[in-house]
N, C-alpha and C. Protein backbone atom coordinates (compact mmCIF):
# COMPACT_ATOMS: atom_id res chain seq x y z
N MET A 1 0.79 -1.15 0.06
CA MET A 1 -0.11 -0.07 0.24
C MET A 1 0.92 1.40 0.03
N LYS A 2 2.25 1.25 0.45
CA LYS A 2 2.90 2.38 0.25
C LYS A 2 3.35 2.87 -0.90
N ILE A 3 3.05 2.05 -1.84
CA ILE A 3 3.29 2.60 -3.19
C ILE A 3 2.14 3.17 -4.01
N PHE A 4 1.15 3.13 -3.30
CA PHE A 4 -0.10 4.21 -3.66
C PHE A 4 0.11 5.22 -3.10
N LYS A 5 0.62 5.38 -1.98
CA LYS A 5 0.63 6.86 -1.22
C LYS A 5 1.81 7.59 -2.14
N PHE A 6 2.86 6.70 -2.54
CA PHE A 6 4.01 7.35 -3.35
C PHE A 6 3.70 7.90 -4.31
N PHE A 7 2.61 7.32 -5.12
CA PHE A 7 2.05 8.10 -6.46
C PHE A 7 1.20 8.85 -6.07
N GLU A 8 0.80 9.22 -4.99
CA GLU A 8 -0.33 10.20 -4.89
C GLU A 8 0.41 11.52 -4.55
N PHE A 9 1.47 11.50 -3.75
CA PHE A 9 2.23 12.48 -3.85
C PHE A 9 3.05 12.89 -5.22
N ALA A 10 3.62 12.08 -5.90
CA ALA A 10 4.01 12.25 -7.07
C ALA A 10 3.11 13.27 -7.65
N TYR A 11 1.71 12.72 -8.12
CA TYR A 11 0.95 13.52 -8.61
C TYR A 11 0.98 15.31 -7.98
N LEU A 12 0.99 15.05 -6.78
CA LEU A 12 1.10 16.64 -6.12
C LEU A 12 2.47 17.40 -6.85
N ALA A 13 3.65 16.32 -6.85
CA ALA A 13 4.89 16.91 -7.43
C ALA A 13 4.99 17.51 -8.68
N ILE A 14 3.99 16.86 -9.63
CA ILE A 14 3.75 16.99 -11.23
C ILE A 14 2.88 18.11 -11.28
N MET A 15 1.95 18.36 -10.10
CA MET A 15 1.25 19.61 -10.02
C MET A 15 1.94 20.98 -9.59
N CYS A 16 2.82 20.74 -8.87
CA CYS A 16 3.65 21.80 -8.21
C CYS A 16 4.85 22.10 -9.81
N PHE A 17 5.26 21.28 -10.46
CA PHE A 17 5.92 21.31 -11.57
C PHE A 17 5.30 22.06 -12.51
N PHE A 18 4.13 21.60 -12.78
CA PHE A 18 3.40 22.25 -14.27
C PHE A 18 2.96 23.71 -13.57
N THR A 19 2.33 23.75 -12.33
CA THR A 19 2.08 25.21 -11.97
C THR A 19 3.21 26.33 -11.87
N TYR A 20 4.47 26.08 -11.73
CA TYR A 20 5.87 26.95 -11.89
C TYR A 20 5.73 26.90 -13.26
N GLN A 21 5.95 25.76 -14.09
CA GLN A 21 6.23 26.16 -15.57
C GLN A 21 4.85 27.15 -16.17
N ALA A 22 3.53 26.98 -15.86
CA ALA A 22 2.93 28.06 -16.02
C ALA A 22 2.93 29.57 -15.80
N TYR A 23 3.72 29.65 -14.55
CA TYR A 23 4.11 30.80 -14.12
C TYR A 23 5.37 31.25 -14.93
N GLU A 24 6.05 30.46 -14.90
CA GLU A 24 7.26 31.17 -16.13
C GLU A 24 6.77 31.32 -17.35
N GLU A 25 5.86 30.93 -17.76
CA GLU A 25 5.42 31.08 -19.42
C GLU A 25 4.37 31.98 -19.46
N TRP A 26 3.80 32.79 -18.27
CA TRP A 26 2.49 33.05 -18.16
C TRP A 26 2.70 34.58 -19.19
N GLY A 27 4.10 35.56 -19.33
CA GLY A 27 4.03 37.11 -19.92
C GLY A 27 4.24 36.75 -21.45
N LYS A 28 4.99 35.14 -21.66
CA LYS A 28 5.57 35.38 -23.13
C LYS A 28 4.61 35.14 -24.17
N GLU A 29 4.74 35.53 -25.23
CA GLU A 29 3.85 35.77 -26.38
C GLU A 29 4.06 34.07 -26.93
N GLY A 30 2.81 33.51 -27.39
CA GLY A 30 2.23 32.06 -27.98
C GLY A 30 3.03 31.04 -26.86
N SER A 31 2.72 31.51 -25.43
CA SER A 31 3.11 30.69 -24.29
C SER A 31 1.91 29.43 -24.09
N ARG A 32 2.72 28.64 -23.41
CA ARG A 32 1.93 27.30 -22.96
C ARG A 32 1.38 27.28 -22.05
N SER A 33 1.04 28.71 -21.00
CA SER A 33 0.88 28.60 -19.82
C SER A 33 -0.65 27.68 -19.68
N ILE A 34 -1.50 28.25 -20.55
CA ILE A 34 -3.04 27.59 -20.24
C ILE A 34 -2.75 25.98 -20.29
N LEU A 35 -2.11 25.82 -21.21
CA LEU A 35 -2.14 24.01 -21.40
C LEU A 35 -1.28 23.63 -20.20
N TYR A 36 -0.35 24.21 -19.53
CA TYR A 36 0.55 23.58 -18.44
C TYR A 36 -0.70 23.66 -17.15
N LEU A 37 -1.62 24.89 -16.91
CA LEU A 37 -2.42 24.84 -16.01
C LEU A 37 -3.41 23.87 -16.07
N CYS A 38 -4.06 23.43 -17.65
CA CYS A 38 -5.00 22.55 -17.33
C CYS A 38 -3.96 20.83 -17.05
N PHE A 39 -3.09 20.61 -17.14
CA PHE A 39 -1.99 19.68 -16.69
C PHE A 39 -2.00 19.66 -15.33
N ALA A 40 -1.93 20.65 -14.51
CA ALA A 40 -2.05 20.93 -13.22
C ALA A 40 -3.20 20.54 -12.54
N GLY A 41 -4.06 21.16 -13.44
CA GLY A 41 -5.67 20.54 -12.85
C GLY A 41 -5.82 18.83 -12.88
N ALA A 42 -5.36 18.57 -13.99
CA ALA A 42 -5.61 17.02 -14.25
C ALA A 42 -4.94 16.49 -13.20
N ALA A 43 -3.46 16.86 -12.83
CA ALA A 43 -2.53 16.31 -11.58
C ALA A 43 -3.57 16.27 -10.38
N ILE A 44 -4.05 17.15 -9.80
CA ILE A 44 -4.52 17.38 -8.55
C ILE A 44 -5.81 16.79 -8.48
N PHE A 45 -6.33 16.54 -9.77
CA PHE A 45 -7.98 15.64 -9.72
C PHE A 45 -7.41 14.39 -9.79
N MET A 46 -6.03 13.83 -10.15
CA MET A 46 -5.89 12.34 -10.17
C MET A 46 -5.25 12.42 -8.92
N TYR A 47 -4.67 13.16 -7.73
CA TYR A 47 -4.34 12.98 -6.74
C TYR A 47 -5.70 12.73 -5.68
N PHE A 48 -6.55 13.56 -5.87
CA PHE A 48 -7.86 13.04 -5.35
C PHE A 48 -8.42 11.80 -5.52
N PHE A 49 -8.47 11.73 -6.79
CA PHE A 49 -9.17 10.16 -7.39
C PHE A 49 -8.37 9.21 -6.73
N LYS A 50 -6.84 9.29 -6.91
CA LYS A 50 -6.29 7.94 -6.02
C LYS A 50 -6.31 7.78 -4.98
N ARG A 51 -6.24 8.97 -4.07
CA ARG A 51 -6.50 9.07 -2.47
C ARG A 51 -7.61 8.25 -2.25
N ASN A 52 -8.70 8.93 -2.39
CA ASN A 52 -10.19 8.12 -2.61
C ASN A 52 -10.16 6.95 -2.74
N PHE A 53 -9.72 6.33 -3.94
CA PHE A 53 -9.51 5.03 -4.67
C PHE A 53 -8.73 4.06 -3.35
N ARG A 54 -7.61 4.87 -3.23
CA ARG A 54 -6.80 3.85 -2.07
C ARG A 54 -7.50 3.72 -0.66
N LYS A 55 -8.18 4.92 -0.27
CA LYS A 55 -8.83 4.78 1.23
C LYS A 55 -10.10 3.39 1.04
N ARG A 56 -10.97 3.42 0.01
CA ARG A 56 -11.71 2.59 -0.28
C ARG A 56 -11.31 1.06 -0.62
N PHE A 57 -10.10 0.92 -0.82
CA PHE A 57 -9.39 -0.23 -1.21
C PHE A 57 -9.08 -0.64 0.27
N GLU A 58 -8.53 0.08 0.92
CA GLU A 58 -8.10 -0.40 1.96
C GLU A 58 -8.94 -0.64 3.22
N ALA A 59 -10.41 0.07 2.83
CA ALA A 59 -11.73 -0.17 3.78
C ALA A 59 -11.84 -1.42 3.24
N ASN A 60 -11.77 -1.93 2.10
CA ASN A 60 -12.31 -3.43 1.62
C ASN A 60 -11.76 -4.24 2.31
N ASN A 61 -10.39 -3.97 2.55
CA ASN A 61 -9.12 -5.39 2.68
C ASN A 61 -9.66 -5.17 4.37
N ARG A 62 -9.69 -4.49 5.18
CA ARG A 62 -10.31 -4.48 6.54
C ARG A 62 -11.38 -5.53 6.78
N GLU A 63 -12.18 -4.89 6.12
CA GLU A 63 -13.39 -5.93 5.85
C GLU A 63 -13.43 -7.25 5.77
N ASN A 64 -12.58 -7.85 5.03
CA ASN A 64 -12.32 -9.43 4.69
C ASN A 64 -11.46 -9.75 5.22
C-alpha cells in the first residue's frame, strides 16, 4: 500500500511542476501557460481520485 501513497504525492509534485511552468510562461507571446494549468488541474484531480480509491481499497481489505 505504500506504493499507492507514493504515487499520490508524485501527482502533487507534478502539479507543482506544471504550476511553476505556467508561471514562468505566463507573459510570453505564444506561451503554453494555459496548457500547463490544465495539466496541473488534471494532476490535482488524479491526486484526489487516487487517494479516494486507496482509502476504499484499504477499507475493503479491513472488512475481509
